[in-house]
C-alpha atoms as a PDB file:
ATOM      1  CA  MET A   1       3.984  49.318 157.789  1.00  0.00           C
ATOM      2  CA  TYR A   2       4.467  46.443 155.419  1.00  0.00           C
ATOM      3  CA  THR A   3       5.265  42.784 155.828  1.00  0.00           C
ATOM      4  CA  LYS A   4       7.837  40.998 153.718  1.00  0.00           C
ATOM      5  CA  ASN A   5       7.303  37.490 152.399  1.00  0.00           C
ATOM      6  CA  ASN A   6      10.495  35.796 151.231  1.00  0.00           C
ATOM      7  CA  ASN A   7       8.786  32.673 149.878  1.00  0.00           C
ATOM      8  CA  HIS A   8       9.197  32.568 146.091  1.00  0.00           C
ATOM      9  CA  ASN A   9       6.318  30.126 145.717  1.00  0.00           C
ATOM     10  CA  ILE A  10       3.150  32.129 146.262  1.00  0.00           C
ATOM     11  CA  VAL A  11      -0.167  30.633 145.263  1.00  0.00           C
ATOM     12  CA  LEU A  12      -3.477  32.516 145.323  1.00  0.00           C
ATOM     13  CA  TYR A  13      -6.896  30.980 145.726  1.00  0.00           C
ATOM     14  CA  ASP A  14     -10.209  32.689 145.175  1.00  0.00           C
ATOM     15  CA  VAL A  15     -13.195  31.649 147.310  1.00  0.00           C
ATOM     16  CA  ASP A  16     -16.407  31.726 145.269  1.00  0.00           C
ATOM     17  CA  ASP A  17     -16.462  29.242 142.391  1.00  0.00           C
ATOM     18  CA  THR A  18     -12.915  28.119 143.197  1.00  0.00           C
ATOM     19  CA  LEU A  19     -12.977  26.746 146.771  1.00  0.00           C
ATOM     20  CA  VAL A  20     -16.768  26.671 147.129  1.00  0.00           C
ATOM     21  CA  ALA A  21     -19.706  26.909 144.757  1.00  0.00           C
ATOM     22  CA  ILE A  22     -23.061  28.478 145.459  1.00  0.00           C
ATOM     23  CA  ASP A  23     -24.824  26.312 142.872  1.00  0.00           C
ATOM     24  CA  PRO A  24     -25.201  22.603 143.667  1.00  0.00           C
ATOM     25  CA  ILE A  25     -22.541  20.214 142.406  1.00  0.00           C
ATOM     26  CA  GLU A  26     -23.735  16.715 141.649  1.00  0.00           C
ATOM     27  CA  GLY A  27     -22.536  14.264 144.284  1.00  0.00           C
ATOM     28  CA  VAL A  28     -21.199  16.948 146.656  1.00  0.00           C
ATOM     29  CA  GLU A  29     -22.736  17.359 150.089  1.00  0.00           C
ATOM     30  CA  PRO A  30     -23.733  20.931 150.880  1.00  0.00           C
ATOM     31  CA  LEU A  31     -21.969  22.799 153.664  1.00  0.00           C
ATOM     32  CA  VAL A  32     -23.990  25.254 155.730  1.00  0.00           C
ATOM     33  CA  ILE A  33     -21.905  28.207 156.824  1.00  0.00           C
ATOM     34  CA  GLU A  34     -23.240  30.285 159.682  1.00  0.00           C
ATOM     35  CA  ASN A  35     -21.995  33.806 160.210  1.00  0.00           C
ATOM     36  CA  GLY A  36     -23.933  35.500 162.998  1.00  0.00           C
ATOM     37  CA  PRO A  37     -27.624  35.505 162.054  1.00  0.00           C
ATOM     38  CA  TYR A  38     -26.834  34.599 158.439  1.00  0.00           C
ATOM     39  CA  LYS A  39     -26.614  31.186 156.817  1.00  0.00           C
ATOM     40  CA  GLU A  40     -25.151  30.327 153.447  1.00  0.00           C
ATOM     41  CA  VAL A  41     -25.254  26.957 151.727  1.00  0.00           C
ATOM     42  CA  VAL A  42     -22.143  26.230 149.671  1.00  0.00           C
ATOM     43  CA  TYR A  43     -20.691  23.209 147.921  1.00  0.00           C
ATOM     44  CA  PRO A  44     -16.990  22.529 148.529  1.00  0.00           C
ATOM     45  CA  ILE A  45     -14.950  22.109 145.356  1.00  0.00           C
ATOM     46  CA  HIS A  46     -12.827  19.254 146.625  1.00  0.00           C
ATOM     47  CA  GLN A  47     -10.302  19.190 143.770  1.00  0.00           C
ATOM     48  CA  GLU A  48      -9.295  22.799 144.512  1.00  0.00           C
ATOM     49  CA  ILE A  49      -9.249  22.260 148.281  1.00  0.00           C
ATOM     50  CA  LYS A  50      -6.914  19.317 147.709  1.00  0.00           C
ATOM     51  CA  ARG A  51      -4.639  21.464 145.507  1.00  0.00           C
ATOM     52  CA  LEU A  52      -4.544  24.187 148.169  1.00  0.00           C
ATOM     53  CA  LYS A  53      -3.489  21.656 150.802  1.00  0.00           C
ATOM     54  CA  GLN A  54      -0.866  20.174 148.479  1.00  0.00           C
ATOM     55  CA  ALA A  55       0.556  23.634 147.798  1.00  0.00           C
ATOM     56  CA  LYS A  56       0.974  24.307 151.510  1.00  0.00           C
ATOM     57  CA  MET A  57       2.459  20.870 152.145  1.00  0.00           C
ATOM     58  CA  ARG A  58       5.035  21.598 149.412  1.00  0.00           C
ATOM     59  CA  GLY A  59       6.117  24.781 151.158  1.00  0.00           C
ATOM     60  CA  HIS A  60       4.175  27.344 149.154  1.00  0.00           C
ATOM     61  CA  TYR A  61       2.844  30.558 150.665  1.00  0.00           C
ATOM     62  CA  VAL A  62      -0.950  30.279 150.321  1.00  0.00           C
ATOM     63  CA  ARG A  63      -3.105  33.381 150.006  1.00  0.00           C
ATOM     64  CA  VAL A  64      -6.905  33.240 149.891  1.00  0.00           C
ATOM     65  CA  HIS A  65      -8.910  36.176 148.630  1.00  0.00           C
ATOM     66  CA  SER A  66     -12.508  36.981 147.797  1.00  0.00           C
ATOM     67  CA  GLN A  67     -14.355  39.747 146.035  1.00  0.00           C
ATOM     68  CA  GLY A  68     -16.847  39.269 148.875  1.00  0.00           C
ATOM     69  CA  GLY A  69     -14.224  40.617 151.267  1.00  0.00           C
ATOM     70  CA  SER A  70     -11.680  39.288 153.706  1.00  0.00           C
ATOM     71  CA  ASP A  71     -14.350  38.476 156.332  1.00  0.00           C
ATOM     72  CA  TRP A  72     -16.162  36.171 153.877  1.00  0.00           C
ATOM     73  CA  ALA A  73     -12.879  34.584 152.823  1.00  0.00           C
ATOM     74  CA  GLU A  74     -11.974  33.967 156.461  1.00  0.00           C
ATOM     75  CA  THR A  75     -15.415  32.502 157.185  1.00  0.00           C
ATOM     76  CA  VAL A  76     -15.034  30.024 154.308  1.00  0.00           C
ATOM     77  CA  VAL A  77     -11.453  29.108 155.286  1.00  0.00           C
ATOM     78  CA  LYS A  78     -12.670  28.298 158.802  1.00  0.00           C
ATOM     79  CA  ALA A  79     -15.726  26.390 157.580  1.00  0.00           C
ATOM     80  CA  LEU A  80     -13.499  24.254 155.346  1.00  0.00           C
ATOM     81  CA  GLU A  81     -11.033  23.813 158.248  1.00  0.00           C
ATOM     82  CA  LEU A  82      -8.154  25.207 156.212  1.00  0.00           C
ATOM     83  CA  GLU A  83      -6.668  27.481 158.890  1.00  0.00           C
ATOM     84  CA  ASN A  84      -3.429  25.460 159.051  1.00  0.00           C
ATOM     85  CA  TYR A  85      -2.987  25.602 155.262  1.00  0.00           C
ATOM     86  CA  VAL A  86      -3.529  29.330 154.637  1.00  0.00           C
ATOM     87  CA  ASP A  87      -0.907  32.015 155.256  1.00  0.00           C
ATOM     88  CA  SER A  88      -2.951  35.122 154.505  1.00  0.00           C
ATOM     89  CA  ILE A  89      -6.524  36.137 153.785  1.00  0.00           C
ATOM     90  CA  GLU A  90      -7.538  39.304 151.996  1.00  0.00           C
ATOM     91  CA  THR A  91     -10.109  41.001 149.835  1.00  0.00           C
ATOM     92  CA  LYS A  92      -9.617  40.248 146.145  1.00  0.00           C
ATOM     93  CA  PRO A  93      -7.619  43.019 144.501  1.00  0.00           C
ATOM     94  CA  LYS A  94      -9.623  45.452 142.382  1.00  0.00           C
ATOM     95  CA  TRP A  95      -6.642  46.835 140.499  1.00  0.00           C
ATOM     96  CA  TYR A  96      -3.514  45.278 139.116  1.00  0.00           C
ATOM     97  CA  HIS A  97      -0.630  47.478 137.983  1.00  0.00           C
ATOM     98  CA  ASP A  98       2.158  45.914 135.969  1.00  0.00           C
ATOM     99  CA  ASP A  99       3.765  46.407 132.589  1.00  0.00           C
ATOM    100  CA  LEU A 100       2.984  42.768 131.742  1.00  0.00           C
ATOM    101  CA  PRO A 101      -0.148  40.614 131.912  1.00  0.00           C
ATOM    102  CA  ALA A 102      -0.014  38.160 134.820  1.00  0.00           C
ATOM    103  CA  ASP A 103       0.065  35.067 132.627  1.00  0.00           C
ATOM    104  CA  SER A 104       3.306  36.283 131.005  1.00  0.00           C
ATOM    105  CA  TRP A 105       5.314  36.130 134.257  1.00  0.00           C
ATOM    106  CA  MET A 106       3.461  33.544 136.325  1.00  0.00           C
ATOM    107  CA  SER A 107       5.056  30.155 135.934  1.00  0.00           C
ATOM    108  CA  ARG A 108       1.603  28.605 136.165  1.00  0.00           C
ATOM    109  CA  PHE A 109      -1.560  30.446 135.311  1.00  0.00           C
ATOM    110  CA  TYR A 110      -4.689  28.488 136.160  1.00  0.00           C
ATOM    111  CA  GLU A 111      -8.255  29.518 135.568  1.00  0.00           C
ATOM    112  CA  GLY A 112     -10.477  27.792 138.143  1.00  0.00           C
ATOM    113  CA  PRO A 113     -12.367  24.545 138.012  1.00  0.00           C
ATOM    114  CA  LYS A 114     -14.399  23.696 134.945  1.00  0.00           C
ATOM    115  CA  ARG A 115     -17.795  22.176 135.533  1.00  0.00           C
END
């Protein structure tokens, strides 16, 4: 069964190197994420977290995905306390089928934070 989203403003956010970084960022306090017996130290990328919140506040449908899987994406969303700003969480797609490249039909194509 499928779900239908009627919001025409869908914004996607990746987790690693978009919402959080594994490598230290100067001036950013590390965040320790615990998941069962495992611990991961990440560095929140505040400019992207702010943009995610702004998107939701403007009525956009916010999807978060990660190549690390939906469980990792969910763990990061919870650690960043973004549950009220995110509409769906999923594993990052591995395939993309379309007759056009995404940047030809997306009104805004953005390639992550530059450090």
